[in-house]
Amino acid sequence: MFNEFGGGFAVDNATLTRFFTFHFILPFIILAIVIIHLLFLHQTGSSNPLGLKINLDKISFHPFFSYKDLVGFIIILFTLIIISLVAPYILGDPDNFIPAIPLVTPVHIQPEWYFLFAYAILRSIPNKLGGVILLILSIAILFILPFSQNTIIKGNQFLTLNKITFWIYINLVILLTWIGARPVEDPYILIGQELTILYFLYFIINPLLINFWNNTLKIY
């Protein structure tokens, strides 16, 4: 009955087919979003750190940004080629070479490195439902950043406190990534819980700092 409806006690063809379809379609969705982004960027222009709205003071997309993006694309492509040809397993987990047993869960299971920070947040919460909610929230909360950057001066390079909190946030993500790869035992559990609190605290402190700068600039 389970296999008839695509479910079961182990990963079977139905699940693998759906995941394969998802991984096949997702790159095309990302490509479409990139094209839409470039279309809007070309039509409306990019923002600038000083918040100027006069076209005369803006930098044209070509050749400044197009050449910059081309250089970045070449560097990333060259890096991926080097990793693929020289050390293809450098970012992989050694446990991937252990034959899978469908009815036995590995002792130390973990996702890929780019999801380790979210996995660390998931396992920091004793309640399963609470952990899943925070896992989804840890990624979904990133979508509010464009709406919270409502400053008179665009860009953190002129906002000292925001620069400090931003780099603290980057270090928190790095530490959470490290914690996610550690075994579920003390002191990693406690450290993960503390880092989880600080991770979400950034999204509260950053808008408050932006509001502080806006009020300060309005006074002067």
N, C-alpha and C. Protein backbone atom coordinates (compact mmCIF):
# COMPACT_ATOMS: atom_id res chain seq x y z
N MET A 1 0.82 -1.20 0.00
CA MET A 1 0.00 0.00 0.00
C MET A 1 0.86 1.25 0.00
N PHE A 2 1.95 1.22 0.75
CA PHE A 2 2.83 2.38 0.81
C PHE A 2 3.45 2.67 -0.54
N ASN A 3 3.99 1.63 -1.20
CA ASN A 3 4.66 1.84 -2.48
C ASN A 3 3.69 2.25 -3.57
N GLU A 4 2.40 1.83 -3.44
CA GLU A 4 1.41 2.17 -4.45
C GLU A 4 1.19 3.68 -4.53
N PHE A 5 1.23 4.34 -3.38
CA PHE A 5 1.01 5.79 -3.33
C PHE A 5 2.32 6.57 -3.29
N GLY A 6 3.44 5.93 -3.57
CA GLY A 6 4.71 6.64 -3.66
C GLY A 6 5.41 6.79 -2.33
N GLY A 7 4.94 6.10 -1.28
CA GLY A 7 5.59 6.20 0.02
C GLY A 7 6.09 4.85 0.46
N GLY A 8 6.76 4.82 1.60
CA GLY A 8 7.25 3.54 2.10
C GLY A 8 8.19 3.75 3.26
N PHE A 9 8.79 2.66 3.70
CA PHE A 9 9.69 2.73 4.84
C PHE A 9 11.10 3.09 4.41
N ALA A 10 11.38 3.13 3.13
CA ALA A 10 12.71 3.47 2.61
C ALA A 10 12.55 4.33 1.36
N VAL A 11 13.61 5.02 0.99
CA VAL A 11 13.60 5.83 -0.23
C VAL A 11 13.49 4.91 -1.45
N ASP A 12 12.46 5.18 -2.27
CA ASP A 12 12.22 4.32 -3.42
C ASP A 12 12.19 5.15 -4.70
N ASN A 13 11.76 4.53 -5.79
CA ASN A 13 11.81 5.17 -7.10
C ASN A 13 10.98 6.45 -7.16
N ALA A 14 9.82 6.47 -6.52
CA ALA A 14 8.95 7.65 -6.59
C ALA A 14 9.65 8.87 -5.99
N THR A 15 10.26 8.69 -4.82
CA THR A 15 10.97 9.80 -4.17
C THR A 15 12.16 10.25 -4.99
N LEU A 16 12.92 9.30 -5.49
CA LEU A 16 14.10 9.64 -6.30
C LEU A 16 13.70 10.38 -7.57
N THR A 17 12.59 9.96 -8.19
CA THR A 17 12.12 10.62 -9.41
C THR A 17 11.72 12.06 -9.14
N ARG A 18 11.02 12.28 -8.02
CA ARG A 18 10.58 13.64 -7.68
C ARG A 18 11.77 14.53 -7.36
N PHE A 19 12.74 14.01 -6.64
CA PHE A 19 13.92 14.81 -6.32
C PHE A 19 14.74 15.10 -7.57
N PHE A 20 14.84 14.13 -8.46
CA PHE A 20 15.55 14.36 -9.72
C PHE A 20 14.85 15.43 -10.55
N THR A 21 13.52 15.37 -10.60
CA THR A 21 12.76 16.38 -11.34
C THR A 21 12.97 17.77 -10.74
N PHE A 22 12.96 17.82 -9.40
CA PHE A 22 13.15 19.11 -8.72
C PHE A 22 14.53 19.68 -9.02
N HIS A 23 15.56 18.84 -8.96
CA HIS A 23 16.93 19.31 -9.22
C HIS A 23 17.14 19.65 -10.69
N PHE A 24 16.35 19.07 -11.57
CA PHE A 24 16.47 19.38 -12.99
C PHE A 24 15.79 20.72 -13.32
N ILE A 25 14.64 20.99 -12.70
CA ILE A 25 13.87 22.19 -13.00
C ILE A 25 14.45 23.42 -12.30
N LEU A 26 15.00 23.23 -11.08
CA LEU A 26 15.47 24.36 -10.28
C LEU A 26 16.49 25.25 -11.00
N PRO A 27 17.50 24.71 -11.70
CA PRO A 27 18.45 25.59 -12.40
C PRO A 27 17.78 26.50 -13.43
N PHE A 28 16.75 25.99 -14.13
CA PHE A 28 16.04 26.82 -15.10
C PHE A 28 15.25 27.93 -14.41
N ILE A 29 14.72 27.63 -13.22
CA ILE A 29 14.01 28.67 -12.45
C ILE A 29 14.98 29.76 -12.02
N ILE A 30 16.17 29.35 -11.54
CA ILE A 30 17.19 30.31 -11.14
C ILE A 30 17.64 31.15 -12.34
N LEU A 31 17.81 30.51 -13.49
CA LEU A 31 18.20 31.24 -14.70
C LEU A 31 17.14 32.27 -15.08
N ALA A 32 15.87 31.91 -14.97
CA ALA A 32 14.79 32.85 -15.29
C ALA A 32 14.81 34.04 -14.34
N ILE A 33 15.06 33.78 -13.05
CA ILE A 33 15.12 34.86 -12.06
C ILE A 33 16.29 35.79 -12.35
N VAL A 34 17.44 35.23 -12.75
CA VAL A 34 18.60 36.04 -13.09
C VAL A 34 18.31 36.94 -14.29
N ILE A 35 17.64 36.39 -15.30
CA ILE A 35 17.30 37.18 -16.48
C ILE A 35 16.34 38.31 -16.13
N ILE A 36 15.35 38.02 -15.28
CA ILE A 36 14.41 39.07 -14.82
C ILE A 36 15.15 40.14 -14.04
N HIS A 37 16.10 39.70 -13.21
CA HIS A 37 16.90 40.66 -12.43
C HIS A 37 17.69 41.58 -13.36
N LEU A 38 18.34 41.02 -14.35
CA LEU A 38 19.11 41.83 -15.30
C LEU A 38 18.20 42.77 -16.10
N LEU A 39 16.99 42.31 -16.41
CA LEU A 39 16.04 43.14 -17.15
C LEU A 39 15.65 44.38 -16.34
N PHE A 40 15.30 44.17 -15.08
CA PHE A 40 14.95 45.30 -14.21
C PHE A 40 16.15 46.21 -13.97
N LEU A 41 17.33 45.60 -13.81
CA LEU A 41 18.53 46.39 -13.58
C LEU A 41 18.84 47.27 -14.79
N HIS A 42 18.62 46.73 -15.98
CA HIS A 42 18.88 47.50 -17.20
C HIS A 42 17.86 48.63 -17.38
N GLN A 43 16.61 48.38 -17.01
CA GLN A 43 15.55 49.36 -17.23
C GLN A 43 15.56 50.48 -16.18
N THR A 44 15.72 50.11 -14.92
CA THR A 44 15.60 51.09 -13.83
C THR A 44 16.95 51.58 -13.32
N GLY A 45 18.03 50.86 -13.61
CA GLY A 45 19.34 51.24 -13.08
C GLY A 45 19.56 50.71 -11.69
N SER A 46 20.80 50.70 -11.26
CA SER A 46 21.14 50.18 -9.93
C SER A 46 21.13 51.30 -8.91
N SER A 47 21.07 50.93 -7.65
CA SER A 47 21.15 51.92 -6.58
C SER A 47 22.61 52.33 -6.37
N ASN A 48 22.82 53.33 -5.55
CA ASN A 48 24.18 53.77 -5.27
C ASN A 48 24.29 54.11 -3.79
N PRO A 49 25.49 54.07 -3.23
CA PRO A 49 25.66 54.26 -1.78
C PRO A 49 25.10 55.59 -1.25
N LEU A 50 25.12 56.62 -2.06
CA LEU A 50 24.66 57.93 -1.60
C LEU A 50 23.16 58.12 -1.78
N GLY A 51 22.48 57.17 -2.42
CA GLY A 51 21.05 57.28 -2.60
C GLY A 51 20.64 58.30 -3.64
N LEU A 52 21.52 58.64 -4.56
CA LEU A 52 21.20 59.63 -5.60
C LEU A 52 20.24 59.03 -6.63
N LYS A 53 19.31 59.84 -7.11
CA LYS A 53 18.32 59.39 -8.07
C LYS A 53 18.48 60.06 -9.43
N ILE A 54 19.51 60.87 -9.60
CA ILE A 54 19.74 61.55 -10.86
C ILE A 54 20.55 60.64 -11.77
N ASN A 55 20.07 60.41 -12.97
CA ASN A 55 20.75 59.49 -13.89
C ASN A 55 22.16 59.96 -14.25
N LEU A 56 22.37 61.28 -14.20
CA LEU A 56 23.68 61.82 -14.54
C LEU A 56 24.76 61.36 -13.56
N ASP A 57 24.36 61.10 -12.32
CA ASP A 57 25.31 60.70 -11.28
C ASP A 57 25.48 59.19 -11.17
N LYS A 58 24.75 58.44 -11.99
CA LYS A 58 24.82 56.99 -11.92
C LYS A 58 25.88 56.45 -12.89
N ILE A 59 26.33 55.23 -12.59
CA ILE A 59 27.30 54.55 -13.44
C ILE A 59 26.54 53.63 -14.38
N SER A 60 26.87 53.65 -15.66
CA SER A 60 26.17 52.82 -16.63
C SER A 60 26.50 51.34 -16.41
N PHE A 61 25.55 50.50 -16.79
CA PHE A 61 25.72 49.06 -16.60
C PHE A 61 26.90 48.53 -17.42
N HIS A 62 27.00 49.02 -18.66
CA HIS A 62 28.11 48.61 -19.54
C HIS A 62 28.99 49.83 -19.82
N PRO A 63 30.28 49.75 -19.64
CA PRO A 63 31.08 48.52 -19.43
C PRO A 63 31.42 48.23 -17.97
N PHE A 64 31.01 49.09 -17.04
CA PHE A 64 31.49 48.97 -15.66
C PHE A 64 31.03 47.67 -15.01
N PHE A 65 29.72 47.43 -14.98
CA PHE A 65 29.20 46.26 -14.29
C PHE A 65 29.32 45.00 -15.13
N SER A 66 29.17 45.13 -16.43
CA SER A 66 29.25 43.95 -17.29
C SER A 66 30.64 43.33 -17.26
N TYR A 67 31.68 44.15 -17.31
CA TYR A 67 33.05 43.63 -17.23
C TYR A 67 33.34 43.06 -15.83
N LYS A 68 32.82 43.73 -14.82
CA LYS A 68 33.02 43.25 -13.45
C LYS A 68 32.36 41.88 -13.26
N ASP A 69 31.13 41.73 -13.75
CA ASP A 69 30.44 40.44 -13.65
C ASP A 69 31.13 39.38 -14.47
N LEU A 70 31.68 39.76 -15.64
CA LEU A 70 32.37 38.80 -16.49
C LEU A 70 33.62 38.27 -15.80
N VAL A 71 34.37 39.16 -15.14
CA VAL A 71 35.56 38.72 -14.40
C VAL A 71 35.17 37.78 -13.26
N GLY A 72 34.12 38.14 -12.54
CA GLY A 72 33.65 37.28 -11.45
C GLY A 72 33.20 35.92 -11.95
N PHE A 73 32.51 35.92 -13.08
CA PHE A 73 32.04 34.66 -13.67
C PHE A 73 33.23 33.78 -14.08
N ILE A 74 34.25 34.37 -14.67
CA ILE A 74 35.43 33.60 -15.09
C ILE A 74 36.16 33.02 -13.88
N ILE A 75 36.28 33.81 -12.80
CA ILE A 75 36.96 33.32 -11.59
C ILE A 75 36.21 32.15 -10.98
N ILE A 76 34.88 32.28 -10.87
CA ILE A 76 34.08 31.20 -10.30
C ILE A 76 34.14 29.95 -11.17
N LEU A 77 34.03 30.13 -12.49
CA LEU A 77 34.09 28.99 -13.41
C LEU A 77 35.45 28.30 -13.34
N PHE A 78 36.53 29.08 -13.27
CA PHE A 78 37.88 28.52 -13.17
C PHE A 78 38.03 27.74 -11.86
N THR A 79 37.49 28.30 -10.76
CA THR A 79 37.57 27.62 -9.46
C THR A 79 36.81 26.29 -9.50
N LEU A 80 35.60 26.29 -10.08
CA LEU A 80 34.82 25.06 -10.17
C LEU A 80 35.51 24.02 -11.03
N ILE A 81 36.15 24.44 -12.12
CA ILE A 81 36.86 23.49 -12.98
C ILE A 81 38.04 22.87 -12.23
N ILE A 82 38.78 23.71 -11.48
CA ILE A 82 39.92 23.20 -10.71
C ILE A 82 39.46 22.19 -9.68
N ILE A 83 38.37 22.51 -8.96
CA ILE A 83 37.86 21.58 -7.94
C ILE A 83 37.39 20.28 -8.59
N SER A 84 36.69 20.39 -9.72
CA SER A 84 36.15 19.20 -10.39
C SER A 84 37.25 18.29 -10.92
N LEU A 85 38.33 18.86 -11.43
CA LEU A 85 39.37 18.06 -12.07
C LEU A 85 40.47 17.62 -11.12
N VAL A 86 40.79 18.47 -10.14
CA VAL A 86 41.92 18.18 -9.25
C VAL A 86 41.47 17.49 -7.97
N ALA A 87 40.44 18.03 -7.31
CA ALA A 87 40.00 17.47 -6.02
C ALA A 87 38.47 17.43 -5.97
N PRO A 88 37.85 16.52 -6.70
CA PRO A 88 36.38 16.51 -6.78
C PRO A 88 35.69 16.15 -5.46
N TYR A 89 36.40 15.49 -4.54
CA TYR A 89 35.78 15.06 -3.30
C TYR A 89 36.17 15.93 -2.11
N ILE A 90 36.79 17.08 -2.37
CA ILE A 90 37.31 17.89 -1.27
C ILE A 90 36.19 18.46 -0.41
N LEU A 91 35.02 18.74 -1.01
CA LEU A 91 33.90 19.30 -0.26
C LEU A 91 32.88 18.23 0.14
N GLY A 92 33.18 16.98 -0.16
CA GLY A 92 32.26 15.89 0.17
C GLY A 92 32.50 15.33 1.56
N ASP A 93 31.58 14.48 1.98
CA ASP A 93 31.68 13.83 3.28
C ASP A 93 32.18 12.40 3.08
N PRO A 94 33.17 11.96 3.86
CA PRO A 94 33.67 10.57 3.72
C PRO A 94 32.57 9.52 3.92
N ASP A 95 31.53 9.86 4.70
CA ASP A 95 30.45 8.89 4.93
C ASP A 95 29.67 8.56 3.66
N ASN A 96 29.81 9.40 2.63
CA ASN A 96 29.10 9.13 1.38
C ASN A 96 29.61 7.87 0.68
N PHE A 97 30.80 7.40 1.07
CA PHE A 97 31.36 6.20 0.44
C PHE A 97 30.94 4.93 1.18
N ILE A 98 30.23 5.08 2.29
CA ILE A 98 29.74 3.91 3.03
C ILE A 98 28.44 3.43 2.39
N PRO A 99 28.34 2.18 2.04
CA PRO A 99 27.09 1.66 1.43
C PRO A 99 25.88 1.93 2.33
N ALA A 100 24.79 2.41 1.74
CA ALA A 100 23.59 2.78 2.50
C ALA A 100 22.81 1.54 2.92
N ILE A 101 22.31 1.58 4.15
CA ILE A 101 21.41 0.55 4.67
C ILE A 101 20.06 1.22 4.90
N PRO A 102 19.02 0.91 4.12
CA PRO A 102 17.76 1.65 4.18
C PRO A 102 17.12 1.73 5.56
N LEU A 103 17.27 0.71 6.40
CA LEU A 103 16.57 0.68 7.68
C LEU A 103 17.44 1.13 8.84
N VAL A 104 18.65 1.60 8.57
CA VAL A 104 19.55 2.05 9.63
C VAL A 104 20.00 3.48 9.35
N THR A 105 19.73 4.37 10.28
CA THR A 105 20.15 5.76 10.14
C THR A 105 21.60 5.91 10.60
N PRO A 106 22.45 6.58 9.83
CA PRO A 106 23.85 6.78 10.27
C PRO A 106 23.91 7.50 11.62
N VAL A 107 24.96 7.21 12.37
CA VAL A 107 25.09 7.81 13.70
C VAL A 107 25.25 9.32 13.61
N HIS A 108 26.10 9.77 12.69
CA HIS A 108 26.37 11.21 12.56
C HIS A 108 25.97 11.66 11.16
N ILE A 109 24.67 11.87 10.96
CA ILE A 109 24.18 12.29 9.65
C ILE A 109 24.18 13.81 9.58
N GLN A 110 24.53 14.34 8.43
CA GLN A 110 24.58 15.79 8.26
C GLN A 110 24.39 16.14 6.79
N PRO A 111 23.85 17.33 6.49
CA PRO A 111 23.66 17.74 5.10
C PRO A 111 24.95 18.24 4.48
N GLU A 112 24.85 18.78 3.27
CA GLU A 112 26.02 19.38 2.63
C GLU A 112 26.46 20.62 3.39
N TRP A 113 27.70 21.05 3.16
CA TRP A 113 28.31 22.11 3.97
C TRP A 113 27.54 23.43 3.89
N TYR A 114 26.89 23.72 2.75
CA TYR A 114 26.21 25.01 2.61
C TYR A 114 24.87 25.04 3.36
N PHE A 115 24.41 23.90 3.88
CA PHE A 115 23.20 23.86 4.71
C PHE A 115 23.51 23.57 6.17
N LEU A 116 24.79 23.50 6.52
CA LEU A 116 25.15 23.13 7.89
C LEU A 116 24.70 24.18 8.91
N PHE A 117 24.72 25.47 8.54
CA PHE A 117 24.30 26.51 9.49
C PHE A 117 22.83 26.33 9.85
N ALA A 118 21.99 25.99 8.86
CA ALA A 118 20.56 25.77 9.12
C ALA A 118 20.35 24.47 9.89
N TYR A 119 21.16 23.46 9.60
CA TYR A 119 21.07 22.19 10.33
C TYR A 119 21.47 22.37 11.79
N ALA A 120 22.47 23.23 12.05
CA ALA A 120 22.87 23.52 13.42
C ALA A 120 21.73 24.19 14.19
N ILE A 121 21.00 25.07 13.52
CA ILE A 121 19.85 25.73 14.15
C ILE A 121 18.74 24.71 14.41
N LEU A 122 18.51 23.79 13.47
CA LEU A 122 17.49 22.76 13.62
C LEU A 122 17.71 21.91 14.86
N ARG A 123 18.94 21.45 15.05
CA ARG A 123 19.20 20.53 16.16
C ARG A 123 19.47 21.25 17.48
N SER A 124 19.50 22.58 17.46
CA SER A 124 19.68 23.32 18.70
C SER A 124 18.39 23.41 19.51
N ILE A 125 17.25 23.10 18.86
CA ILE A 125 15.96 23.17 19.53
C ILE A 125 15.53 21.76 19.92
N PRO A 126 15.26 21.52 21.21
CA PRO A 126 14.86 20.16 21.64
C PRO A 126 13.55 19.70 21.00
N ASN A 127 12.60 20.64 20.80
CA ASN A 127 11.32 20.30 20.20
C ASN A 127 11.46 20.14 18.69
N LYS A 128 10.95 19.03 18.13
CA LYS A 128 11.12 18.75 16.70
C LYS A 128 10.41 19.79 15.84
N LEU A 129 9.15 20.11 16.19
CA LEU A 129 8.40 21.08 15.40
C LEU A 129 9.04 22.46 15.49
N GLY A 130 9.48 22.85 16.68
CA GLY A 130 10.15 24.14 16.85
C GLY A 130 11.44 24.20 16.05
N GLY A 131 12.17 23.08 16.01
CA GLY A 131 13.41 23.06 15.23
C GLY A 131 13.16 23.21 13.75
N VAL A 132 12.11 22.55 13.23
CA VAL A 132 11.79 22.66 11.80
C VAL A 132 11.35 24.08 11.47
N ILE A 133 10.56 24.69 12.36
CA ILE A 133 10.10 26.07 12.13
C ILE A 133 11.29 27.03 12.07
N LEU A 134 12.22 26.89 13.02
CA LEU A 134 13.40 27.76 13.01
C LEU A 134 14.30 27.47 11.82
N LEU A 135 14.36 26.20 11.39
CA LEU A 135 15.14 25.85 10.20
C LEU A 135 14.61 26.60 8.98
N ILE A 136 13.30 26.56 8.79
CA ILE A 136 12.70 27.27 7.65
C ILE A 136 12.85 28.78 7.82
N LEU A 137 12.67 29.26 9.05
CA LEU A 137 12.76 30.70 9.32
C LEU A 137 14.17 31.23 9.12
N SER A 138 15.19 30.40 9.40
CA SER A 138 16.58 30.84 9.27
C SER A 138 16.93 31.18 7.83
N ILE A 139 16.26 30.53 6.87
CA ILE A 139 16.48 30.83 5.45
C ILE A 139 15.47 31.86 4.94
N ALA A 140 14.20 31.71 5.37
CA ALA A 140 13.16 32.62 4.89
C ALA A 140 13.37 34.05 5.38
N ILE A 141 14.00 34.19 6.55
CA ILE A 141 14.20 35.53 7.12
C ILE A 141 15.16 36.36 6.28
N LEU A 142 15.98 35.70 5.45
CA LEU A 142 16.90 36.43 4.58
C LEU A 142 16.16 37.26 3.53
N PHE A 143 14.91 36.87 3.22
CA PHE A 143 14.15 37.59 2.21
C PHE A 143 13.64 38.94 2.71
N ILE A 144 13.70 39.18 4.04
CA ILE A 144 13.23 40.47 4.56
C ILE A 144 14.34 41.52 4.52
N LEU A 145 15.58 41.10 4.25
CA LEU A 145 16.69 42.05 4.27
C LEU A 145 16.52 43.20 3.28
N PRO A 146 16.09 42.95 2.03
CA PRO A 146 15.92 44.10 1.12
C PRO A 146 14.89 45.11 1.61
N PHE A 147 13.90 44.64 2.37
CA PHE A 147 12.84 45.55 2.85
C PHE A 147 13.23 46.26 4.14
N SER A 148 14.26 45.74 4.84
CA SER A 148 14.68 46.37 6.10
C SER A 148 15.79 47.39 5.90
N GLN A 149 16.37 47.46 4.67
CA GLN A 149 17.46 48.40 4.40
C GLN A 149 16.90 49.74 3.91
N ASN A 150 15.99 50.30 4.67
CA ASN A 150 15.34 51.56 4.28
C ASN A 150 16.09 52.74 4.88
N THR A 151 17.30 52.97 4.37
CA THR A 151 18.12 54.05 4.90
C THR A 151 18.20 55.20 3.89
N ILE A 152 18.44 56.40 4.43
CA ILE A 152 18.62 57.56 3.57
C ILE A 152 19.88 57.40 2.73
N ILE A 153 20.96 56.93 3.38
CA ILE A 153 22.21 56.63 2.68
C ILE A 153 22.26 55.13 2.42
N LYS A 154 22.34 54.74 1.16
CA LYS A 154 22.35 53.34 0.80
C LYS A 154 23.76 52.76 0.93
N GLY A 155 23.85 51.59 1.52
CA GLY A 155 25.14 50.94 1.66
C GLY A 155 25.67 51.04 3.08
N ASN A 156 26.19 49.91 3.57
CA ASN A 156 26.72 49.87 4.93
C ASN A 156 28.10 50.49 5.07
N GLN A 157 28.75 50.85 3.94
CA GLN A 157 30.10 51.37 4.03
C GLN A 157 30.16 52.71 4.75
N PHE A 158 29.01 53.40 4.85
CA PHE A 158 28.97 54.68 5.56
C PHE A 158 28.35 54.54 6.95
N LEU A 159 27.91 53.34 7.31
CA LEU A 159 27.24 53.11 8.59
C LEU A 159 28.13 52.18 9.43
N THR A 160 28.88 52.77 10.35
CA THR A 160 29.91 52.02 11.09
C THR A 160 29.32 50.87 11.90
N LEU A 161 28.26 51.15 12.66
CA LEU A 161 27.68 50.11 13.52
C LEU A 161 27.10 48.97 12.69
N ASN A 162 26.49 49.30 11.56
CA ASN A 162 25.94 48.26 10.70
C ASN A 162 27.04 47.40 10.08
N LYS A 163 28.18 48.01 9.77
CA LYS A 163 29.31 47.22 9.26
C LYS A 163 29.79 46.23 10.30
N ILE A 164 29.86 46.68 11.55
CA ILE A 164 30.33 45.79 12.63
C ILE A 164 29.36 44.63 12.82
N THR A 165 28.05 44.93 12.88
CA THR A 165 27.06 43.86 13.06
C THR A 165 27.02 42.92 11.86
N PHE A 166 27.26 43.44 10.66
CA PHE A 166 27.26 42.59 9.48
C PHE A 166 28.38 41.55 9.55
N TRP A 167 29.59 41.99 9.91
CA TRP A 167 30.70 41.05 9.97
C TRP A 167 30.57 40.10 11.15
N ILE A 168 29.91 40.55 12.21
CA ILE A 168 29.59 39.63 13.31
C ILE A 168 28.63 38.54 12.81
N TYR A 169 27.65 38.96 12.01
CA TYR A 169 26.69 38.01 11.45
C TYR A 169 27.40 36.99 10.54
N ILE A 170 28.33 37.44 9.71
CA ILE A 170 29.07 36.53 8.84
C ILE A 170 29.84 35.50 9.67
N ASN A 171 30.46 35.95 10.74
CA ASN A 171 31.19 35.03 11.62
C ASN A 171 30.24 34.06 12.33
N LEU A 172 29.03 34.52 12.65
CA LEU A 172 28.04 33.63 13.26
C LEU A 172 27.66 32.51 12.30
N VAL A 173 27.48 32.84 11.02
CA VAL A 173 27.14 31.82 10.03
C VAL A 173 28.28 30.81 9.88
N ILE A 174 29.52 31.30 9.89
CA ILE A 174 30.69 30.41 9.79
C ILE A 174 30.75 29.48 11.00
N LEU A 175 30.52 30.03 12.20
CA LEU A 175 30.55 29.21 13.42
C LEU A 175 29.41 28.20 13.45
N LEU A 176 28.23 28.61 12.98
CA LEU A 176 27.11 27.67 12.91
C LEU A 176 27.39 26.55 11.92
N THR A 177 28.08 26.88 10.82
CA THR A 177 28.47 25.86 9.85
C THR A 177 29.41 24.85 10.49
N TRP A 178 30.32 25.36 11.30
CA TRP A 178 31.26 24.46 12.00
C TRP A 178 30.53 23.60 13.03
N ILE A 179 29.59 24.21 13.77
CA ILE A 179 28.83 23.47 14.78
C ILE A 179 27.98 22.38 14.13
N GLY A 180 27.42 22.69 12.93
CA GLY A 180 26.58 21.71 12.25
C GLY A 180 27.32 20.45 11.86
N ALA A 181 28.63 20.55 11.71
CA ALA A 181 29.44 19.39 11.34
C ALA A 181 29.96 18.62 12.55
N ARG A 182 29.70 19.15 13.76
CA ARG A 182 30.16 18.48 14.98
C ARG A 182 29.11 17.48 15.47
N PRO A 183 29.53 16.51 16.29
CA PRO A 183 28.56 15.55 16.85
C PRO A 183 27.55 16.25 17.77
N VAL A 184 26.39 15.65 17.93
CA VAL A 184 25.34 16.22 18.79
C VAL A 184 25.66 15.85 20.23
N GLU A 185 26.53 16.60 20.85
CA GLU A 185 26.95 16.37 22.23
C GLU A 185 27.47 17.67 22.81
N ASP A 186 27.59 17.72 24.13
CA ASP A 186 28.16 18.90 24.79
C ASP A 186 29.65 18.98 24.47
N PRO A 187 30.20 20.21 24.32
CA PRO A 187 29.55 21.52 24.48
C PRO A 187 28.94 22.07 23.19
N TYR A 188 28.91 21.26 22.11
CA TYR A 188 28.44 21.78 20.82
C TYR A 188 26.96 22.14 20.84
N ILE A 189 26.17 21.41 21.64
CA ILE A 189 24.74 21.71 21.72
C ILE A 189 24.52 23.10 22.31
N LEU A 190 25.19 23.38 23.43
CA LEU A 190 25.04 24.68 24.09
C LEU A 190 25.56 25.82 23.21
N ILE A 191 26.70 25.60 22.58
CA ILE A 191 27.26 26.63 21.70
C ILE A 191 26.31 26.90 20.53
N GLY A 192 25.74 25.83 19.97
CA GLY A 192 24.79 25.99 18.87
C GLY A 192 23.56 26.78 19.28
N GLN A 193 23.06 26.55 20.49
CA GLN A 193 21.89 27.29 20.97
C GLN A 193 22.21 28.77 21.15
N GLU A 194 23.39 29.07 21.69
CA GLU A 194 23.79 30.46 21.86
C GLU A 194 23.98 31.16 20.52
N LEU A 195 24.59 30.48 19.57
CA LEU A 195 24.79 31.06 18.24
C LEU A 195 23.46 31.24 17.51
N THR A 196 22.50 30.34 17.74
CA THR A 196 21.18 30.47 17.13
C THR A 196 20.48 31.73 17.61
N ILE A 197 20.57 32.01 18.90
CA ILE A 197 19.97 33.23 19.46
C ILE A 197 20.61 34.47 18.84
N LEU A 198 21.93 34.46 18.75
CA LEU A 198 22.64 35.61 18.17
C LEU A 198 22.34 35.76 16.68
N TYR A 199 22.13 34.63 15.99
CA TYR A 199 21.82 34.67 14.55
C TYR A 199 20.53 35.45 14.30
N PHE A 200 19.47 35.11 15.04
CA PHE A 200 18.19 35.78 14.85
C PHE A 200 18.19 37.17 15.46
N LEU A 201 19.06 37.39 16.45
CA LEU A 201 19.14 38.71 17.07
C LEU A 201 19.64 39.76 16.08
N TYR A 202 20.45 39.34 15.12
CA TYR A 202 20.96 40.28 14.11
C TYR A 202 19.83 40.94 13.34
N PHE A 203 18.78 40.16 13.01
CA PHE A 203 17.68 40.68 12.21
C PHE A 203 16.77 41.61 13.02
N ILE A 204 16.99 41.67 14.32
CA ILE A 204 16.28 42.64 15.17
C ILE A 204 17.13 43.88 15.37
N ILE A 205 18.43 43.67 15.60
CA ILE A 205 19.33 44.80 15.88
C ILE A 205 19.58 45.64 14.63
N ASN A 206 19.74 44.98 13.48
CA ASN A 206 20.08 45.72 12.26
C ASN A 206 19.02 46.76 11.88
N PRO A 207 17.72 46.43 11.86
CA PRO A 207 16.72 47.48 11.56
C PRO A 207 16.70 48.60 12.59
N LEU A 208 16.98 48.28 13.86
CA LEU A 208 17.02 49.32 14.90
C LEU A 208 18.17 50.28 14.65
N LEU A 209 19.32 49.73 14.23
CA LEU A 209 20.46 50.59 13.91
C LEU A 209 20.17 51.46 12.69
N ILE A 210 19.49 50.90 11.70
CA ILE A 210 19.12 51.67 10.52
C ILE A 210 18.17 52.81 10.90
N ASN A 211 17.22 52.52 11.78
CA ASN A 211 16.30 53.56 12.26
C ASN A 211 17.05 54.64 13.03
N PHE A 212 18.07 54.23 13.79
CA PHE A 212 18.89 55.19 14.54
C PHE A 212 19.62 56.13 13.58
N TRP A 213 20.21 55.57 12.51
CA TRP A 213 20.92 56.40 11.54
C TRP A 213 19.97 57.33 10.80
N ASN A 214 18.78 56.86 10.48
CA ASN A 214 17.81 57.70 9.79
C ASN A 214 17.40 58.90 10.65
N ASN A 215 17.17 58.65 11.92
CA ASN A 215 16.81 59.74 12.83
C ASN A 215 17.95 60.71 13.03
N THR A 216 19.17 60.18 13.08
CA THR A 216 20.35 61.04 13.25
C THR A 216 20.54 61.93 12.04
N LEU A 217 20.39 61.37 10.84
CA LEU A 217 20.56 62.15 9.62
C LEU A 217 19.47 63.20 9.45
N LYS A 218 18.27 62.92 9.91
CA LYS A 218 17.18 63.88 9.81
C LYS A 218 17.42 65.09 10.72
N ILE A 219 18.10 64.85 11.85
CA ILE A 219 18.39 65.95 12.78
C ILE A 219 19.34 66.93 12.13
N TYR A 220 20.35 66.36 11.42
CA TYR A 220 21.36 67.23 10.82
C TYR A 220 20.97 67.65 9.39
